Every structure is written in structure tokens, then in C-alpha cells.
Amino acid sequence: MARRKTRTAVRELELPRGKPWEGSLRLVLPPPPSVNAWKVPLKIGGSVRVVKSREFRTYERAVQAAFAQQHRGVGPREGPLGVTVHWYRARRTGDLDGRLKSLCDALNALAWQDDAQIQEIHAFRHDDKANPRVEVDVFQLWEPPSEGRSAVDPEEG
């Protein structure tokens, strides 16, 4: 009997990389999975590794497709960012903070280079059984210095 592979290759959606977005970035995305469904243990040999779940990988691909449709040719932003999230849930279940982790990780390399850039979050939970979604606004907290220029502390003048 042939041995079944424990890992499956996931074809990533190729996004055209363009200039970083300017101003603010608005997105409407599918609702993220709970952080409880985000990672699963995978036993390989005698050790256990934690990997992204199939549900989360599917969500990442849905976010990539929505981002490409709404902001084609836009690349990730640098520097510190702020995020406002409105989660419209289909049912009165689920915690907001667990959904934020899934959402922020899914937007890595799309809206920002890494979610460690996020320094400010405003999050709201609403109910909308007919149209569950997440509305995301991303904004730059300050402009990174351009090449050849150093950052100036506003207090120093």
C-alpha cells in the first residue's frame, strides 16, 4: 500500500506586486475563522508540529483573491500602521479578538509586510445575518523616511 503524504502542496495565488498603497486602504473580506480553528497539530515521525489548518489556508486564499480584485497592482505598505475592523457576524457567536488574529495574519504580505507593523487597532463586532463580512480600513501612522533622508523627531523640530 502506498504511503499517504502528510503534507499537501497549496498553490498560492500569484498577486501582481505594485507600489505600496497611499492614503488609506479599504477592504471588504469574508469573515475570518476562529483562532481555535487556525492551527492544527501534525505528527511527523516522533515529533509534533503545528501547521495552518485547511480552513485557515482556504481563508487565506479567499483574502488574497478579494484583495487582488479590490486593489489590483497594489503592494504591501511599510512602517507603523493602524487598523479599523468592523466584523459583521452571521450568528451571535464568536469572540472578536480571536477573529482579529486570523484576519491580520491573512493580510500579511498583502496590506502590510508583517502584522507586527500594526500599532493601533480599533475593532467592532456587529450582527448581520444576511451579509456576514469584515470591513477593514488600514492607515499609515507616519511616513517612513525616503531613501537618503533620516527620520526627524517632531519634538526636535
N, C-alpha and C. Protein backbone atom coordinates (compact mmCIF):
# COMPACT_ATOMS: atom_id res chain seq x y z
N MET A 1 0.83 -1.16 0.00
CA MET A 1 0.00 0.00 0.00
C MET A 1 0.89 1.24 0.00
N ALA A 2 0.57 2.23 -0.83
CA ALA A 2 1.37 3.44 -0.92
C ALA A 2 1.18 4.29 0.34
N ARG A 3 2.26 4.89 0.76
CA ARG A 3 2.21 5.73 1.94
C ARG A 3 1.58 7.08 1.58
N ARG A 4 0.67 7.51 2.40
CA ARG A 4 -0.02 8.77 2.15
C ARG A 4 0.84 9.94 2.64
N LYS A 5 0.93 10.97 1.84
CA LYS A 5 1.71 12.14 2.22
C LYS A 5 0.97 12.90 3.32
N THR A 6 1.73 13.38 4.31
CA THR A 6 1.11 14.12 5.40
C THR A 6 0.96 15.59 5.07
N ARG A 7 1.71 16.06 4.11
CA ARG A 7 1.62 17.46 3.70
C ARG A 7 1.07 17.53 2.29
N THR A 8 0.30 18.55 2.02
CA THR A 8 -0.17 18.77 0.67
C THR A 8 0.34 20.12 0.20
N ALA A 9 0.69 20.18 -1.04
CA ALA A 9 1.16 21.45 -1.60
C ALA A 9 -0.04 22.33 -1.88
N VAL A 10 0.03 23.56 -1.46
CA VAL A 10 -1.04 24.51 -1.69
C VAL A 10 -0.55 25.53 -2.70
N ARG A 11 -1.26 25.61 -3.81
CA ARG A 11 -0.89 26.58 -4.83
C ARG A 11 -1.33 27.95 -4.37
N GLU A 12 -0.37 28.84 -4.23
CA GLU A 12 -0.67 30.20 -3.79
C GLU A 12 -1.10 31.05 -4.97
N LEU A 13 -2.01 31.94 -4.73
CA LEU A 13 -2.47 32.86 -5.75
C LEU A 13 -1.37 33.89 -6.00
N GLU A 14 -0.95 34.03 -7.24
CA GLU A 14 0.09 34.99 -7.57
C GLU A 14 -0.53 36.38 -7.68
N LEU A 15 -0.07 37.29 -6.85
CA LEU A 15 -0.57 38.65 -6.87
C LEU A 15 0.46 39.56 -7.53
N PRO A 16 0.02 40.40 -8.45
CA PRO A 16 0.97 41.34 -9.03
C PRO A 16 1.41 42.33 -7.97
N ARG A 17 2.69 42.49 -7.82
CA ARG A 17 3.23 43.41 -6.83
C ARG A 17 3.43 44.77 -7.46
N GLY A 18 2.82 45.76 -6.89
CA GLY A 18 2.95 47.10 -7.39
C GLY A 18 3.49 48.01 -6.31
N LYS A 19 3.24 49.29 -6.48
CA LYS A 19 3.65 50.28 -5.50
C LYS A 19 2.83 50.10 -4.23
N PRO A 20 3.43 50.43 -3.07
CA PRO A 20 2.64 50.40 -1.84
C PRO A 20 1.46 51.38 -1.95
N TRP A 21 0.36 51.05 -1.35
CA TRP A 21 -0.82 51.89 -1.38
C TRP A 21 -0.56 53.20 -0.64
N GLU A 22 -1.32 54.21 -0.99
CA GLU A 22 -1.18 55.52 -0.35
C GLU A 22 -2.49 55.91 0.30
N GLY A 23 -2.43 56.82 1.25
CA GLY A 23 -3.64 57.24 1.96
C GLY A 23 -4.09 56.13 2.90
N SER A 24 -5.31 55.68 2.71
CA SER A 24 -5.79 54.54 3.50
C SER A 24 -6.25 53.45 2.55
N LEU A 25 -6.36 52.25 3.06
CA LEU A 25 -6.74 51.10 2.26
C LEU A 25 -8.04 50.54 2.84
N ARG A 26 -9.07 50.40 2.02
CA ARG A 26 -10.35 49.85 2.46
C ARG A 26 -10.57 48.51 1.78
N LEU A 27 -11.00 47.53 2.57
CA LEU A 27 -11.26 46.18 2.07
C LEU A 27 -12.56 45.65 2.65
N VAL A 28 -13.25 44.86 1.85
CA VAL A 28 -14.38 44.08 2.34
C VAL A 28 -14.01 42.62 2.09
N LEU A 29 -13.95 41.85 3.18
CA LEU A 29 -13.45 40.48 3.12
C LEU A 29 -14.45 39.51 3.72
N PRO A 30 -14.29 38.23 3.42
CA PRO A 30 -15.14 37.23 4.09
C PRO A 30 -14.78 37.17 5.58
N PRO A 31 -15.73 36.76 6.40
CA PRO A 31 -15.44 36.66 7.84
C PRO A 31 -14.32 35.65 8.11
N PRO A 32 -13.39 35.99 9.01
CA PRO A 32 -12.28 35.09 9.30
C PRO A 32 -12.72 33.92 10.18
N PRO A 33 -11.98 32.80 10.11
CA PRO A 33 -12.26 31.69 11.00
C PRO A 33 -11.81 32.02 12.42
N SER A 34 -12.34 31.31 13.37
CA SER A 34 -11.93 31.47 14.76
C SER A 34 -10.47 31.09 14.90
N VAL A 35 -9.79 31.70 15.85
CA VAL A 35 -8.39 31.36 16.10
C VAL A 35 -8.29 29.91 16.58
N ASN A 36 -9.38 29.37 17.14
CA ASN A 36 -9.38 27.97 17.58
C ASN A 36 -9.25 27.01 16.40
N ALA A 37 -9.68 27.43 15.21
CA ALA A 37 -9.59 26.57 14.02
C ALA A 37 -8.39 26.96 13.15
N TRP A 38 -7.53 27.80 13.67
CA TRP A 38 -6.45 28.37 12.88
C TRP A 38 -5.29 27.42 12.67
N LYS A 39 -4.89 26.70 13.70
CA LYS A 39 -3.75 25.79 13.59
C LYS A 39 -4.12 24.41 14.10
N VAL A 40 -3.47 23.40 13.52
CA VAL A 40 -3.71 22.02 13.94
C VAL A 40 -2.38 21.32 14.16
N PRO A 41 -2.35 20.39 15.13
CA PRO A 41 -1.11 19.63 15.34
C PRO A 41 -0.96 18.56 14.26
N LEU A 42 0.27 18.36 13.81
CA LEU A 42 0.57 17.35 12.81
C LEU A 42 1.72 16.51 13.33
N LYS A 43 1.48 15.20 13.47
CA LYS A 43 2.52 14.31 13.98
C LYS A 43 3.37 13.82 12.81
N ILE A 44 4.66 14.12 12.87
CA ILE A 44 5.62 13.69 11.85
C ILE A 44 6.70 12.90 12.57
N GLY A 45 6.74 11.61 12.28
CA GLY A 45 7.70 10.77 12.99
C GLY A 45 7.37 10.76 14.46
N GLY A 46 8.34 11.11 15.29
CA GLY A 46 8.12 11.14 16.74
C GLY A 46 7.83 12.52 17.29
N SER A 47 7.77 13.53 16.41
CA SER A 47 7.53 14.89 16.91
C SER A 47 6.22 15.45 16.37
N VAL A 48 5.77 16.49 17.02
CA VAL A 48 4.52 17.14 16.63
C VAL A 48 4.83 18.56 16.19
N ARG A 49 4.34 18.92 15.01
CA ARG A 49 4.45 20.29 14.50
C ARG A 49 3.07 20.89 14.42
N VAL A 50 2.99 22.18 14.62
CA VAL A 50 1.72 22.88 14.49
C VAL A 50 1.73 23.56 13.12
N VAL A 51 0.70 23.30 12.32
CA VAL A 51 0.62 23.85 10.97
C VAL A 51 -0.73 24.55 10.79
N LYS A 52 -0.81 25.37 9.77
CA LYS A 52 -2.07 26.05 9.46
C LYS A 52 -3.11 25.01 9.06
N SER A 53 -4.30 25.20 9.53
CA SER A 53 -5.38 24.27 9.20
C SER A 53 -5.84 24.47 7.76
N ARG A 54 -6.52 23.49 7.23
CA ARG A 54 -7.08 23.58 5.88
C ARG A 54 -8.07 24.76 5.81
N GLU A 55 -8.87 24.93 6.88
CA GLU A 55 -9.84 26.04 6.92
C GLU A 55 -9.13 27.39 6.83
N PHE A 56 -8.01 27.54 7.56
CA PHE A 56 -7.30 28.81 7.52
C PHE A 56 -6.62 29.04 6.17
N ARG A 57 -6.03 27.99 5.58
CA ARG A 57 -5.42 28.15 4.25
C ARG A 57 -6.47 28.54 3.22
N THR A 58 -7.66 27.97 3.32
CA THR A 58 -8.76 28.34 2.42
C THR A 58 -9.13 29.81 2.63
N TYR A 59 -9.16 30.24 3.88
CA TYR A 59 -9.46 31.64 4.17
C TYR A 59 -8.37 32.56 3.61
N GLU A 60 -7.11 32.19 3.77
CA GLU A 60 -6.02 33.00 3.21
C GLU A 60 -6.19 33.18 1.69
N ARG A 61 -6.54 32.11 0.99
CA ARG A 61 -6.73 32.20 -0.46
C ARG A 61 -7.92 33.10 -0.80
N ALA A 62 -8.99 33.04 0.00
CA ALA A 62 -10.15 33.90 -0.23
C ALA A 62 -9.77 35.38 -0.02
N VAL A 63 -8.95 35.65 0.99
CA VAL A 63 -8.50 37.03 1.25
C VAL A 63 -7.59 37.50 0.12
N GLN A 64 -6.69 36.64 -0.36
CA GLN A 64 -5.81 37.00 -1.48
C GLN A 64 -6.64 37.34 -2.72
N ALA A 65 -7.65 36.54 -3.00
CA ALA A 65 -8.49 36.78 -4.18
C ALA A 65 -9.28 38.08 -4.03
N ALA A 66 -9.83 38.33 -2.85
CA ALA A 66 -10.58 39.57 -2.61
C ALA A 66 -9.67 40.79 -2.71
N PHE A 67 -8.46 40.67 -2.16
CA PHE A 67 -7.51 41.77 -2.21
C PHE A 67 -7.13 42.06 -3.67
N ALA A 68 -6.85 41.03 -4.43
CA ALA A 68 -6.47 41.20 -5.84
C ALA A 68 -7.61 41.84 -6.63
N GLN A 69 -8.83 41.48 -6.32
CA GLN A 69 -9.99 42.04 -7.03
C GLN A 69 -10.20 43.50 -6.65
N GLN A 70 -10.03 43.84 -5.38
CA GLN A 70 -10.32 45.19 -4.92
C GLN A 70 -9.15 46.16 -5.08
N HIS A 71 -7.92 45.64 -5.10
CA HIS A 71 -6.74 46.51 -5.15
C HIS A 71 -5.65 45.89 -6.03
N ARG A 72 -5.97 45.61 -7.26
CA ARG A 72 -5.01 45.01 -8.19
C ARG A 72 -3.81 45.94 -8.37
N GLY A 73 -2.61 45.34 -8.35
CA GLY A 73 -1.39 46.10 -8.59
C GLY A 73 -0.87 46.86 -7.38
N VAL A 74 -1.46 46.64 -6.22
CA VAL A 74 -1.04 47.34 -5.01
C VAL A 74 -0.21 46.40 -4.15
N GLY A 75 0.90 46.90 -3.66
CA GLY A 75 1.78 46.09 -2.82
C GLY A 75 1.63 46.44 -1.35
N PRO A 76 2.30 45.71 -0.48
CA PRO A 76 2.19 45.95 0.96
C PRO A 76 2.86 47.25 1.38
N ARG A 77 2.39 47.82 2.46
CA ARG A 77 2.88 49.09 2.98
C ARG A 77 3.96 48.85 4.04
N GLU A 78 4.88 49.78 4.18
CA GLU A 78 5.91 49.73 5.21
C GLU A 78 5.52 50.66 6.35
N GLY A 79 6.24 50.56 7.44
CA GLY A 79 6.06 51.47 8.56
C GLY A 79 4.91 51.07 9.47
N PRO A 80 4.75 51.83 10.56
CA PRO A 80 3.69 51.52 11.53
C PRO A 80 2.31 51.84 10.96
N LEU A 81 1.36 50.95 11.25
CA LEU A 81 0.02 51.06 10.69
C LEU A 81 -1.03 50.99 11.79
N GLY A 82 -2.18 51.54 11.47
CA GLY A 82 -3.37 51.41 12.30
C GLY A 82 -4.43 50.69 11.50
N VAL A 83 -5.31 49.98 12.19
CA VAL A 83 -6.34 49.19 11.53
C VAL A 83 -7.67 49.41 12.25
N THR A 84 -8.72 49.62 11.47
CA THR A 84 -10.08 49.64 12.00
C THR A 84 -10.83 48.49 11.35
N VAL A 85 -11.44 47.64 12.18
CA VAL A 85 -12.12 46.44 11.70
C VAL A 85 -13.57 46.45 12.17
N HIS A 86 -14.48 46.23 11.25
CA HIS A 86 -15.89 46.03 11.57
C HIS A 86 -16.23 44.62 11.12
N TRP A 87 -16.48 43.73 12.09
CA TRP A 87 -16.83 42.34 11.81
C TRP A 87 -18.34 42.20 11.91
N TYR A 88 -18.98 41.88 10.81
CA TYR A 88 -20.42 41.65 10.75
C TYR A 88 -20.62 40.14 10.75
N ARG A 89 -21.02 39.61 11.87
CA ARG A 89 -21.13 38.16 12.01
C ARG A 89 -22.53 37.66 11.67
N ALA A 90 -22.58 36.43 11.20
CA ALA A 90 -23.85 35.83 10.78
C ALA A 90 -24.67 35.34 11.98
N ARG A 91 -23.97 34.92 13.04
CA ARG A 91 -24.65 34.42 14.24
C ARG A 91 -24.08 35.11 15.46
N ARG A 92 -24.79 35.10 16.52
CA ARG A 92 -24.34 35.75 17.75
C ARG A 92 -23.38 34.86 18.52
N THR A 93 -22.37 34.36 17.83
CA THR A 93 -21.33 33.57 18.47
C THR A 93 -19.98 34.03 17.97
N GLY A 94 -18.96 33.75 18.74
CA GLY A 94 -17.60 34.08 18.32
C GLY A 94 -17.07 35.30 19.02
N ASP A 95 -15.79 35.23 19.37
CA ASP A 95 -15.17 36.37 20.03
C ASP A 95 -14.37 37.19 19.02
N LEU A 96 -14.36 38.47 19.24
CA LEU A 96 -13.74 39.42 18.32
C LEU A 96 -12.22 39.27 18.27
N ASP A 97 -11.57 39.11 19.42
CA ASP A 97 -10.10 39.08 19.43
C ASP A 97 -9.54 37.87 18.69
N GLY A 98 -10.21 36.73 18.76
CA GLY A 98 -9.75 35.55 18.03
C GLY A 98 -9.84 35.72 16.53
N ARG A 99 -10.85 36.43 16.08
CA ARG A 99 -11.01 36.68 14.64
C ARG A 99 -9.97 37.67 14.13
N LEU A 100 -9.58 38.61 14.97
CA LEU A 100 -8.57 39.60 14.56
C LEU A 100 -7.24 38.95 14.23
N LYS A 101 -6.84 37.96 15.00
CA LYS A 101 -5.56 37.27 14.75
C LYS A 101 -5.56 36.61 13.38
N SER A 102 -6.65 35.90 13.06
CA SER A 102 -6.76 35.25 11.75
C SER A 102 -6.74 36.28 10.63
N LEU A 103 -7.49 37.36 10.80
CA LEU A 103 -7.58 38.40 9.78
C LEU A 103 -6.22 39.05 9.54
N CYS A 104 -5.54 39.44 10.62
CA CYS A 104 -4.24 40.11 10.48
C CYS A 104 -3.19 39.21 9.84
N ASP A 105 -3.17 37.94 10.20
CA ASP A 105 -2.22 37.02 9.58
C ASP A 105 -2.53 36.80 8.11
N ALA A 106 -3.80 36.77 7.75
CA ALA A 106 -4.17 36.56 6.34
C ALA A 106 -3.78 37.76 5.47
N LEU A 107 -3.66 38.95 6.07
CA LEU A 107 -3.30 40.14 5.30
C LEU A 107 -1.79 40.39 5.23
N ASN A 108 -1.00 39.50 5.86
CA ASN A 108 0.47 39.61 5.74
C ASN A 108 0.87 39.51 4.27
N ALA A 109 1.81 40.35 3.87
CA ALA A 109 2.35 40.41 2.51
C ALA A 109 1.33 40.92 1.49
N LEU A 110 0.16 41.35 1.95
CA LEU A 110 -0.84 41.96 1.06
C LEU A 110 -1.00 43.43 1.41
N ALA A 111 -1.58 43.73 2.58
CA ALA A 111 -1.79 45.11 3.01
C ALA A 111 -0.55 45.65 3.72
N TRP A 112 0.15 44.78 4.40
CA TRP A 112 1.38 45.14 5.11
C TRP A 112 2.38 44.02 4.92
N GLN A 113 3.64 44.31 5.26
CA GLN A 113 4.66 43.29 5.11
C GLN A 113 4.52 42.23 6.20
N ASP A 114 4.24 42.66 7.42
CA ASP A 114 4.05 41.74 8.53
C ASP A 114 3.12 42.41 9.54
N ASP A 115 2.26 41.62 10.18
CA ASP A 115 1.31 42.23 11.10
C ASP A 115 1.97 42.81 12.35
N ALA A 116 3.26 42.62 12.53
CA ALA A 116 3.99 43.28 13.61
C ALA A 116 4.03 44.81 13.41
N GLN A 117 3.74 45.28 12.20
CA GLN A 117 3.69 46.71 11.90
C GLN A 117 2.48 47.38 12.52
N ILE A 118 1.48 46.64 12.88
CA ILE A 118 0.24 47.21 13.42
C ILE A 118 0.48 47.68 14.84
N GLN A 119 0.28 48.99 15.05
CA GLN A 119 0.50 49.58 16.37
C GLN A 119 -0.80 50.07 16.99
N GLU A 120 -1.87 50.08 16.22
CA GLU A 120 -3.14 50.59 16.72
C GLU A 120 -4.27 49.80 16.07
N ILE A 121 -5.21 49.31 16.90
CA ILE A 121 -6.34 48.55 16.38
C ILE A 121 -7.63 49.07 17.01
N HIS A 122 -8.61 49.30 16.15
CA HIS A 122 -9.97 49.64 16.59
C HIS A 122 -10.85 48.55 16.00
N ALA A 123 -11.55 47.81 16.86
CA ALA A 123 -12.33 46.68 16.37
C ALA A 123 -13.74 46.72 16.93
N PHE A 124 -14.69 46.39 16.06
CA PHE A 124 -16.10 46.44 16.41
C PHE A 124 -16.79 45.17 15.90
N ARG A 125 -17.73 44.67 16.68
CA ARG A 125 -18.49 43.48 16.29
C ARG A 125 -19.95 43.89 16.11
N HIS A 126 -20.50 43.48 14.97
CA HIS A 126 -21.90 43.77 14.64
C HIS A 126 -22.56 42.46 14.21
N ASP A 127 -23.86 42.45 14.13
CA ASP A 127 -24.59 41.29 13.65
C ASP A 127 -25.25 41.64 12.32
N ASP A 128 -25.06 40.78 11.32
CA ASP A 128 -25.70 40.93 10.02
C ASP A 128 -25.86 39.54 9.41
N LYS A 129 -26.95 38.90 9.75
CA LYS A 129 -27.20 37.53 9.31
C LYS A 129 -27.24 37.43 7.79
N ALA A 130 -27.77 38.44 7.12
CA ALA A 130 -27.94 38.40 5.67
C ALA A 130 -26.64 38.62 4.91
N ASN A 131 -25.67 39.33 5.49
CA ASN A 131 -24.46 39.68 4.77
C ASN A 131 -23.23 39.66 5.70
N PRO A 132 -22.80 38.49 6.17
CA PRO A 132 -21.62 38.45 7.04
C PRO A 132 -20.37 38.85 6.26
N ARG A 133 -19.51 39.65 6.90
CA ARG A 133 -18.31 40.16 6.23
C ARG A 133 -17.41 40.84 7.25
N VAL A 134 -16.26 41.24 6.79
CA VAL A 134 -15.35 42.06 7.58
C VAL A 134 -14.98 43.26 6.73
N GLU A 135 -15.16 44.44 7.27
CA GLU A 135 -14.74 45.67 6.60
C GLU A 135 -13.50 46.17 7.32
N VAL A 136 -12.43 46.37 6.55
CA VAL A 136 -11.13 46.72 7.12
C VAL A 136 -10.66 48.04 6.52
N ASP A 137 -10.23 48.94 7.38
CA ASP A 137 -9.57 50.18 6.97
C ASP A 137 -8.17 50.16 7.56
N VAL A 138 -7.17 50.31 6.71
CA VAL A 138 -5.77 50.33 7.15
C VAL A 138 -5.23 51.72 6.86
N PHE A 139 -4.54 52.30 7.82
CA PHE A 139 -4.00 53.64 7.63
C PHE A 139 -2.58 53.73 8.17
N GLN A 140 -1.79 54.58 7.53
CA GLN A 140 -0.39 54.81 7.91
C GLN A 140 -0.36 55.72 9.13
N LEU A 141 0.43 55.36 10.14
CA LEU A 141 0.55 56.20 11.33
C LEU A 141 1.57 57.31 11.14
N TRP A 142 2.60 57.07 10.39
CA TRP A 142 3.57 58.10 10.00
C TRP A 142 4.26 57.63 8.74
N GLU A 143 4.81 58.55 8.00
CA GLU A 143 5.51 58.22 6.76
C GLU A 143 6.93 57.79 7.05
N PRO A 144 7.36 56.64 6.53
CA PRO A 144 8.77 56.26 6.69
C PRO A 144 9.64 57.22 5.88
N PRO A 145 10.87 57.47 6.34
CA PRO A 145 11.74 58.38 5.58
C PRO A 145 12.08 57.81 4.21
N SER A 146 12.19 58.71 3.23
CA SER A 146 12.60 58.24 1.90
C SER A 146 14.10 58.00 1.90
N GLU A 147 14.55 57.30 0.88
CA GLU A 147 15.98 56.96 0.80
C GLU A 147 16.83 58.23 0.84
N GLY A 148 17.91 58.16 1.60
CA GLY A 148 18.83 59.28 1.68
C GLY A 148 18.43 60.30 2.74
N ARG A 149 17.25 60.16 3.33
CA ARG A 149 16.81 61.09 4.37
C ARG A 149 16.65 60.32 5.67
N SER A 150 16.98 60.98 6.77
CA SER A 150 16.78 60.32 8.06
C SER A 150 15.46 60.80 8.65
N ALA A 151 14.91 60.00 9.52
CA ALA A 151 13.67 60.36 10.19
C ALA A 151 13.94 61.51 11.13
N VAL A 152 13.03 62.46 11.20
CA VAL A 152 13.16 63.62 12.08
C VAL A 152 12.17 63.48 13.20
N ASP A 153 12.66 63.62 14.42
CA ASP A 153 11.78 63.58 15.58
C ASP A 153 10.99 64.88 15.60
N PRO A 154 9.64 64.83 15.61
CA PRO A 154 8.85 66.06 15.58
C PRO A 154 9.12 66.96 16.76
N GLU A 155 9.53 66.42 17.91
CA GLU A 155 9.82 67.24 19.09
C GLU A 155 11.14 67.98 18.95
N GLU A 156 12.04 67.49 18.10
CA GLU A 156 13.33 68.14 17.92
C GLU A 156 13.25 69.28 16.91
N GLY A 157 12.16 69.34 16.16
CA GLY A 157 11.97 70.45 15.24
C GLY A 157 12.29 70.10 13.87
